C-alpha atoms as a PDB file:
ATOM      1  CA  MET A   1      41.759  35.625  25.125  1.00  0.00           C
ATOM      2  CA  ASN A   2      41.411  39.380  25.392  1.00  0.00           C
ATOM      3  CA  ALA A   3      40.960  39.615  21.634  1.00  0.00           C
ATOM      4  CA  LEU A   4      38.195  36.951  21.748  1.00  0.00           C
ATOM      5  CA  ARG A   5      36.368  38.813  24.526  1.00  0.00           C
ATOM      6  CA  LEU A   6      36.566  42.089  22.612  1.00  0.00           C
ATOM      7  CA  ARG A   7      35.200  40.433  19.468  1.00  0.00           C
ATOM      8  CA  ARG A   8      32.229  38.914  21.374  1.00  0.00           C
ATOM      9  CA  ALA A   9      31.497  42.273  23.000  1.00  0.00           C
ATOM     10  CA  ALA A  10      31.493  44.001  19.632  1.00  0.00           C
ATOM     11  CA  VAL A  11      29.064  41.421  18.209  1.00  0.00           C
ATOM     12  CA  ALA A  12      26.735  41.845  21.188  1.00  0.00           C
ATOM     13  CA  VAL A  13      26.732  45.630  20.849  1.00  0.00           C
ATOM     14  CA  ALA A  14      26.070  45.423  17.116  1.00  0.00           C
ATOM     15  CA  ALA A  15      23.167  43.045  17.700  1.00  0.00           C
ATOM     16  CA  ALA A  16      21.713  45.288  20.395  1.00  0.00           C
ATOM     17  CA  VAL A  17      21.913  48.318  18.122  1.00  0.00           C
ATOM     18  CA  ALA A  18      20.467  46.470  15.104  1.00  0.00           C
ATOM     19  CA  LEU A  19      17.484  44.939  16.969  1.00  0.00           C
ATOM     20  CA  PRO A  20      15.465  48.170  17.525  1.00  0.00           C
ATOM     21  CA  PHE A  21      15.928  49.166  13.892  1.00  0.00           C
ATOM     22  CA  SER A  22      14.772  45.719  12.768  1.00  0.00           C
ATOM     23  CA  LEU A  23      11.658  45.883  14.975  1.00  0.00           C
ATOM     24  CA  ALA A  24      10.907  49.419  13.805  1.00  0.00           C
ATOM     25  CA  ALA A  25      11.188  48.369  10.179  1.00  0.00           C
ATOM     26  CA  CYS A  26       8.786  45.458  10.741  1.00  0.00           C
ATOM     27  CA  SER A  27       6.357  47.741  12.544  1.00  0.00           C
ATOM     28  CA  ASP A  28       6.456  50.368   9.775  1.00  0.00           C
ATOM     29  CA  SER A  29       5.928  47.719   7.080  1.00  0.00           C
ATOM     30  CA  GLY A  30       2.907  46.265   8.876  1.00  0.00           C
ATOM     31  CA  SER A  31       1.460  49.721   9.439  1.00  0.00           C
ATOM     32  CA  ASP A  32       1.863  50.674   5.785  1.00  0.00           C
ATOM     33  CA  THR A  33       0.233  47.425   4.661  1.00  0.00           C
ATOM     34  CA  ALA A  34      -2.727  47.882   7.007  1.00  0.00           C
ATOM     35  CA  SER A  35      -3.050  51.509   5.966  1.00  0.00           C
ATOM     36  CA  GLU A  36      -3.062  50.579   2.300  1.00  0.00           C
ATOM     37  CA  ALA A  37      -5.647  47.856   2.871  1.00  0.00           C
ATOM     38  CA  GLY A  38      -7.836  50.232   4.852  1.00  0.00           C
ATOM     39  CA  SER A  39      -7.516  52.828   2.121  1.00  0.00           C
ATOM     40  CA  GLU A  40      -8.630  50.329  -0.516  1.00  0.00           C
ATOM     41  CA  VAL A  41     -11.717  49.322   1.497  1.00  0.00           C
ATOM     42  CA  SER A  42     -12.729  52.887   2.311  1.00  0.00           C
ATOM     43  CA  SER A  43     -12.250  54.130  -1.251  1.00  0.00           C
ATOM     44  CA  SER A  44     -14.226  51.266  -2.817  1.00  0.00           C
ATOM     45  CA  SER A  45     -17.993  51.442  -2.596  1.00  0.00           C
ATOM     46  CA  PRO A  46     -20.096  48.286  -2.043  1.00  0.00           C
ATOM     47  CA  ARG A  47     -21.435  48.685  -5.616  1.00  0.00           C
ATOM     48  CA  GLU A  48     -17.870  48.548  -7.010  1.00  0.00           C
ATOM     49  CA  ASN A  49     -16.989  45.473  -4.977  1.00  0.00           C
ATOM     50  CA  ALA A  50     -20.232  43.594  -5.562  1.00  0.00           C
ATOM     51  CA  PRO A  51     -20.754  41.578  -8.742  1.00  0.00           C
ATOM     52  CA  SER A  52     -22.758  43.422 -11.394  1.00  0.00           C
ATOM     53  CA  THR A  53     -26.194  41.897 -11.983  1.00  0.00           C
ATOM     54  CA  GLY A  54     -27.601  44.561 -14.270  1.00  0.00           C
ATOM     55  CA  THR A  55     -30.620  44.996 -12.001  1.00  0.00           C
ATOM     56  CA  ASP A  56     -30.058  48.686 -11.325  1.00  0.00           C
ATOM     57  CA  MET A  57     -29.474  49.411 -14.982  1.00  0.00           C
ATOM     58  CA  ALA A  58     -32.624  47.507 -16.011  1.00  0.00           C
ATOM     59  CA  ALA A  59     -34.692  49.395 -13.465  1.00  0.00           C
ATOM     60  CA  ASP A  60     -33.681  52.716 -14.974  1.00  0.00           C
ATOM     61  CA  SER A  61     -33.807  51.777 -18.653  1.00  0.00           C
ATOM     62  CA  PRO A  62     -36.620  51.818 -21.204  1.00  0.00           C
ATOM     63  CA  PHE A  63     -37.939  48.370 -22.106  1.00  0.00           C
ATOM     64  CA  GLY A  64     -40.285  46.699 -24.565  1.00  0.00           C
ATOM     65  CA  PRO A  65     -40.291  45.596 -28.213  1.00  0.00           C
ATOM     66  CA  ALA A  66     -41.182  49.015 -29.636  1.00  0.00           C
ATOM     67  CA  CYS A  67     -38.115  50.578 -28.006  1.00  0.00           C
ATOM     68  CA  ALA A  68     -35.989  49.046 -30.783  1.00  0.00           C
ATOM     69  CA  SER A  69     -37.483  51.492 -33.297  1.00  0.00           C
ATOM     70  CA  VAL A  70     -36.452  54.566 -31.286  1.00  0.00           C
ATOM     71  CA  PRO A  71     -33.558  56.439 -32.972  1.00  0.00           C
ATOM     72  CA  LYS A  72     -30.137  55.924 -31.420  1.00  0.00           C
ATOM     73  CA  ASP A  73     -29.328  59.634 -31.416  1.00  0.00           C
ATOM     74  CA  GLY A  74     -30.890  63.024 -32.023  1.00  0.00           C
ATOM     75  CA  ALA A  75     -33.943  64.691 -30.480  1.00  0.00           C
ATOM     76  CA  GLY A  76     -36.059  61.551 -30.940  1.00  0.00           C
ATOM     77  CA  SER A  77     -33.613  59.257 -29.124  1.00  0.00           C
ATOM     78  CA  PHE A  78     -33.986  58.331 -25.469  1.00  0.00           C
ATOM     79  CA  ASP A  79     -31.234  60.774 -24.533  1.00  0.00           C
ATOM     80  CA  GLY A  80     -32.838  63.482 -26.637  1.00  0.00           C
ATOM     81  CA  MET A  81     -36.317  62.956 -25.195  1.00  0.00           C
ATOM     82  CA  ALA A  82     -34.930  63.072 -21.663  1.00  0.00           C
ATOM     83  CA  LYS A  83     -33.915  66.692 -22.253  1.00  0.00           C
ATOM     84  CA  ASP A  84     -37.359  67.908 -23.407  1.00  0.00           C
ATOM     85  CA  PRO A  85     -40.716  68.210 -21.632  1.00  0.00           C
ATOM     86  CA  VAL A  86     -43.124  65.444 -22.522  1.00  0.00           C
ATOM     87  CA  ALA A  87     -45.232  67.024 -25.286  1.00  0.00           C
ATOM     88  CA  THR A  88     -42.111  68.285 -27.051  1.00  0.00           C
ATOM     89  CA  ALA A  89     -40.378  64.936 -26.606  1.00  0.00           C
ATOM     90  CA  ALA A  90     -43.382  63.110 -28.079  1.00  0.00           C
ATOM     91  CA  SER A  91     -43.353  65.410 -31.108  1.00  0.00           C
ATOM     92  CA  ASN A  92     -39.877  64.106 -31.937  1.00  0.00           C
ATOM     93  CA  ASN A  93     -41.099  60.496 -32.041  1.00  0.00           C
ATOM     94  CA  PRO A  94     -42.702  59.648 -35.424  1.00  0.00           C
ATOM     95  CA  ALA A  95     -44.699  56.794 -33.875  1.00  0.00           C
ATOM     96  CA  LEU A  96     -46.611  59.295 -31.717  1.00  0.00           C
ATOM     97  CA  SER A  97     -47.553  61.818 -34.404  1.00  0.00           C
ATOM     98  CA  THR A  98     -51.314  61.187 -34.098  1.00  0.00           C
ATOM     99  CA  LEU A  99     -51.152  61.669 -30.339  1.00  0.00           C
ATOM    100  CA  VAL A 100     -49.193  64.890 -30.781  1.00  0.00           C
ATOM    101  CA  ALA A 101     -51.768  66.186 -33.270  1.00  0.00           C
ATOM    102  CA  ALA A 102     -54.557  65.356 -30.807  1.00  0.00           C
ATOM    103  CA  VAL A 103     -52.732  67.104 -27.950  1.00  0.00           C
ATOM    104  CA  LYS A 104     -52.345  70.227 -30.100  1.00  0.00           C
ATOM    105  CA  GLN A 105     -56.000  70.036 -31.147  1.00  0.00           C
ATOM    106  CA  ALA A 106     -57.063  69.905 -27.487  1.00  0.00           C
ATOM    107  CA  GLY A 107     -54.734  72.771 -26.529  1.00  0.00           C
ATOM    108  CA  LEU A 108     -52.883  70.625 -23.997  1.00  0.00           C
ATOM    109  CA  VAL A 109     -49.282  71.192 -25.091  1.00  0.00           C
ATOM    110  CA  ASP A 110     -48.501  73.782 -22.404  1.00  0.00           C
ATOM    111  CA  THR A 111     -50.416  71.819 -19.764  1.00  0.00           C
ATOM    112  CA  LEU A 112     -48.323  68.712 -20.356  1.00  0.00           C
ATOM    113  CA  ASN A 113     -45.042  70.537 -20.823  1.00  0.00           C
ATOM    114  CA  THR A 114     -45.351  72.540 -17.591  1.00  0.00           C
ATOM    115  CA  ALA A 115     -46.681  69.747 -15.363  1.00  0.00           C
ATOM    116  CA  GLN A 116     -44.152  68.205 -12.999  1.00  0.00           C
ATOM    117  CA  ASN A 117     -43.481  64.563 -12.186  1.00  0.00           C
ATOM    118  CA  ILE A 118     -46.261  62.991 -14.226  1.00  0.00           C
ATOM    119  CA  THR A 119     -46.721  59.711 -16.074  1.00  0.00           C
ATOM    120  CA  VAL A 120     -48.129  59.654 -19.589  1.00  0.00           C
ATOM    121  CA  PHE A 121     -49.516  56.518 -21.217  1.00  0.00           C
ATOM    122  CA  ALA A 122     -48.918  57.433 -24.860  1.00  0.00           C
ATOM    123  CA  PRO A 123     -50.887  55.587 -27.568  1.00  0.00           C
ATOM    124  CA  THR A 124     -49.007  54.910 -30.792  1.00  0.00           C
ATOM    125  CA  ASN A 125     -50.293  55.808 -34.245  1.00  0.00           C
ATOM    126  CA  ASP A 126     -51.314  52.156 -34.629  1.00  0.00           C
ATOM    127  CA  ALA A 127     -53.342  52.458 -31.426  1.00  0.00           C
ATOM    128  CA  PHE A 128     -55.325  55.357 -32.873  1.00  0.00           C
ATOM    129  CA  ALA A 129     -55.702  53.419 -36.144  1.00  0.00           C
ATOM    130  CA  LYS A 130     -57.711  50.777 -34.265  1.00  0.00           C
ATOM    131  CA  ILE A 131     -60.476  53.352 -33.815  1.00  0.00           C
ATOM    132  CA  PRO A 132     -62.817  53.551 -36.830  1.00  0.00           C
ATOM    133  CA  LYS A 133     -61.940  56.675 -38.814  1.00  0.00           C
ATOM    134  CA  ALA A 134     -65.420  58.177 -38.492  1.00  0.00           C
ATOM    135  CA  ASP A 135     -65.319  57.797 -34.709  1.00  0.00           C
ATOM    136  CA  LEU A 136     -61.796  59.194 -34.478  1.00  0.00           C
ATOM    137  CA  ASP A 137     -62.692  62.192 -36.628  1.00  0.00           C
ATOM    138  CA  LYS A 138     -65.709  62.827 -34.406  1.00  0.00           C
ATOM    139  CA  VAL A 139     -63.582  62.758 -31.267  1.00  0.00           C
ATOM    140  CA  LEU A 140     -60.919  65.020 -32.772  1.00  0.00           C
ATOM    141  CA  ALA A 141     -63.628  67.537 -33.651  1.00  0.00           C
ATOM    142  CA  ASP A 142     -65.027  67.544 -30.096  1.00  0.00           C
ATOM    143  CA  LYS A 143     -62.470  69.401 -27.980  1.00  0.00           C
ATOM    144  CA  GLU A 144     -64.190  68.655 -24.671  1.00  0.00           C
ATOM    145  CA  GLN A 145     -64.391  64.916 -25.333  1.00  0.00           C
ATOM    146  CA  LEU A 146     -60.866  64.861 -26.742  1.00  0.00           C
ATOM    147  CA  THR A 147     -59.539  66.589 -23.616  1.00  0.00           C
ATOM    148  CA  LYS A 148     -61.246  64.008 -21.396  1.00  0.00           C
ATOM    149  CA  ILE A 149     -59.706  61.141 -23.342  1.00  0.00           C
ATOM    150  CA  LEU A 150     -56.206  62.620 -23.426  1.00  0.00           C
ATOM    151  CA  THR A 151     -56.117  63.616 -19.744  1.00  0.00           C
ATOM    152  CA  TYR A 152     -57.298  60.097 -18.888  1.00  0.00           C
ATOM    153  CA  HIS A 153     -53.872  58.966 -20.154  1.00  0.00           C
ATOM    154  CA  VAL A 154     -52.028  61.112 -17.584  1.00  0.00           C
ATOM    155  CA  VAL A 155     -51.318  60.260 -13.934  1.00  0.00           C
ATOM    156  CA  GLY A 156     -50.120  62.974 -11.574  1.00  0.00           C
ATOM    157  CA  GLN A 157     -47.052  61.104 -10.337  1.00  0.00           C
ATOM    158  CA  LYS A 158     -44.075  59.334 -11.853  1.00  0.00           C
ATOM    159  CA  LEU A 159     -44.735  55.596 -11.887  1.00  0.00           C
ATOM    160  CA  THR A 160     -42.002  52.970 -11.802  1.00  0.00           C
ATOM    161  CA  PRO A 161     -42.415  49.591 -13.509  1.00  0.00           C
ATOM    162  CA  GLU A 162     -42.770  47.987 -10.076  1.00  0.00           C
ATOM    163  CA  GLN A 163     -45.802  50.173  -9.358  1.00  0.00           C
ATOM    164  CA  LEU A 164     -47.452  48.874 -12.527  1.00  0.00           C
ATOM    165  CA  GLU A 165     -47.384  45.265 -11.323  1.00  0.00           C
ATOM    166  CA  ASP A 166     -50.751  45.653  -9.608  1.00  0.00           C
ATOM    167  CA  GLY A 167     -51.764  49.293  -9.525  1.00  0.00           C
ATOM    168  CA  SER A 168     -54.761  51.579  -9.541  1.00  0.00           C
ATOM    169  CA  PHE A 169     -54.172  55.257 -10.257  1.00  0.00           C
ATOM    170  CA  GLU A 170     -56.264  58.388 -10.495  1.00  0.00           C
ATOM    171  CA  THR A 171     -55.806  60.285 -13.751  1.00  0.00           C
ATOM    172  CA  LEU A 172     -55.912  63.981 -14.481  1.00  0.00           C
ATOM    173  CA  GLN A 173     -59.359  63.368 -15.954  1.00  0.00           C
ATOM    174  CA  LYS A 174     -60.343  62.194 -12.412  1.00  0.00           C
ATOM    175  CA  GLY A 175     -61.021  58.676 -13.641  1.00  0.00           C
ATOM    176  CA  THR A 176     -59.101  55.571 -12.583  1.00  0.00           C
ATOM    177  CA  LEU A 177     -56.937  53.260 -14.635  1.00  0.00           C
ATOM    178  CA  THR A 178     -55.512  49.934 -13.527  1.00  0.00           C
ATOM    179  CA  THR A 179     -52.263  48.233 -14.409  1.00  0.00           C
ATOM    180  CA  LYS A 180     -51.048  44.658 -14.117  1.00  0.00           C
ATOM    181  CA  GLY A 181     -48.006  42.648 -15.097  1.00  0.00           C
ATOM    182  CA  ALA A 182     -44.403  41.784 -14.301  1.00  0.00           C
ATOM    183  CA  ASP A 183     -41.024  41.232 -15.941  1.00  0.00           C
ATOM    184  CA  GLU A 184     -41.432  44.120 -18.376  1.00  0.00           C
ATOM    185  CA  ALA A 185     -44.827  42.843 -19.628  1.00  0.00           C
ATOM    186  CA  TYR A 186     -47.613  45.158 -18.492  1.00  0.00           C
ATOM    187  CA  THR A 187     -51.195  45.905 -19.482  1.00  0.00           C
ATOM    188  CA  VAL A 188     -53.359  48.927 -18.735  1.00  0.00           C
ATOM    189  CA  ASN A 189     -57.089  48.433 -18.090  1.00  0.00           C
ATOM    190  CA  ASP A 190     -56.626  44.766 -19.079  1.00  0.00           C
ATOM    191  CA  SER A 191     -56.544  45.725 -22.745  1.00  0.00           C
ATOM    192  CA  SER A 192     -53.719  48.069 -23.676  1.00  0.00           C
ATOM    193  CA  LYS A 193     -50.187  46.660 -23.685  1.00  0.00           C
ATOM    194  CA  VAL A 194     -47.081  48.651 -22.824  1.00  0.00           C
ATOM    195  CA  VAL A 195     -44.852  48.311 -25.893  1.00  0.00           C
ATOM    196  CA  CYS A 196     -42.062  50.652 -24.788  1.00  0.00           C
ATOM    197  CA  GLY A 197     -42.019  51.610 -21.135  1.00  0.00           C
ATOM    198  CA  ASN A 198     -40.116  53.672 -18.603  1.00  0.00           C
ATOM    199  CA  VAL A 199     -39.102  56.316 -21.144  1.00  0.00           C
ATOM    200  CA  PRO A 200     -37.790  59.436 -19.380  1.00  0.00           C
ATOM    201  CA  THR A 201     -38.542  63.001 -20.419  1.00  0.00           C
ATOM    202  CA  ALA A 202     -37.620  66.217 -18.609  1.00  0.00           C
ATOM    203  CA  ASN A 203     -40.849  66.265 -16.590  1.00  0.00           C
ATOM    204  CA  ALA A 204     -42.496  62.883 -17.081  1.00  0.00           C
ATOM    205  CA  THR A 205     -42.146  59.143 -17.435  1.00  0.00           C
ATOM    206  CA  VAL A 206     -43.753  57.754 -20.579  1.00  0.00           C
ATOM    207  CA  TYR A 207     -45.239  54.307 -21.190  1.00  0.00           C
ATOM    208  CA  ILE A 208     -46.051  53.874 -24.879  1.00  0.00           C
ATOM    209  CA  VAL A 209     -49.162  51.692 -25.302  1.00  0.00           C
ATOM    210  CA  ASP A 210     -50.793  49.890 -28.222  1.00  0.00           C
ATOM    211  CA  THR A 211     -54.436  50.813 -27.501  1.00  0.00           C
ATOM    212  CA  VAL A 212     -56.142  54.126 -26.763  1.00  0.00           C
ATOM    213  CA  LEU A 213     -57.538  54.189 -23.215  1.00  0.00           C
ATOM    214  CA  MET A 214     -61.160  55.245 -22.917  1.00  0.00           C
ATOM    215  CA  PRO A 215     -62.557  56.721 -19.685  1.00  0.00           C
ATOM    216  CA  LYS A 216     -65.828  55.312 -18.411  1.00  0.00           C
END
């Protein structure tokens, strides 16, 4: 009988001693789990947790059919142009060689390269080719008229594609141009189409267009 009582007492003591350690272990495990979960939530941004739709990337990327002809690397690539001011960046794009020649003829290289946060609607060589050669030669020979035409293609603020959906903007020439469109299909003054838009340079955003814009 005495042996049985001693055995029961020993079991009771062992249980009493083990219980606090068991509770403490459960508490520590729960705390660690909660801490780890909290750490995961706090270290993950909403962008990382949310499904990727590509919207942000599209908003920041050049778009349009003519963008496919831009070199993948080098000074004439999108990355290369982003490092240079706009007139220099345009000079590295073969499709804008006529525009670059006109800018040099008008003495506007420094003006465009030193301006800050501007938008340039840049006509392609094909856009200039739509103008009869005699008329184009006449314009190129008239520095004052050429300057008016070229500065009409420049807006004194950086324009996003969303702003082009239904916009009216004053140009450096002090005239006004209008834009319309959506879903990466935009026109300027109801006649000139954006063929490669939202192209970044060091000091400007460029929208390459297929028709030369003429001020009124």
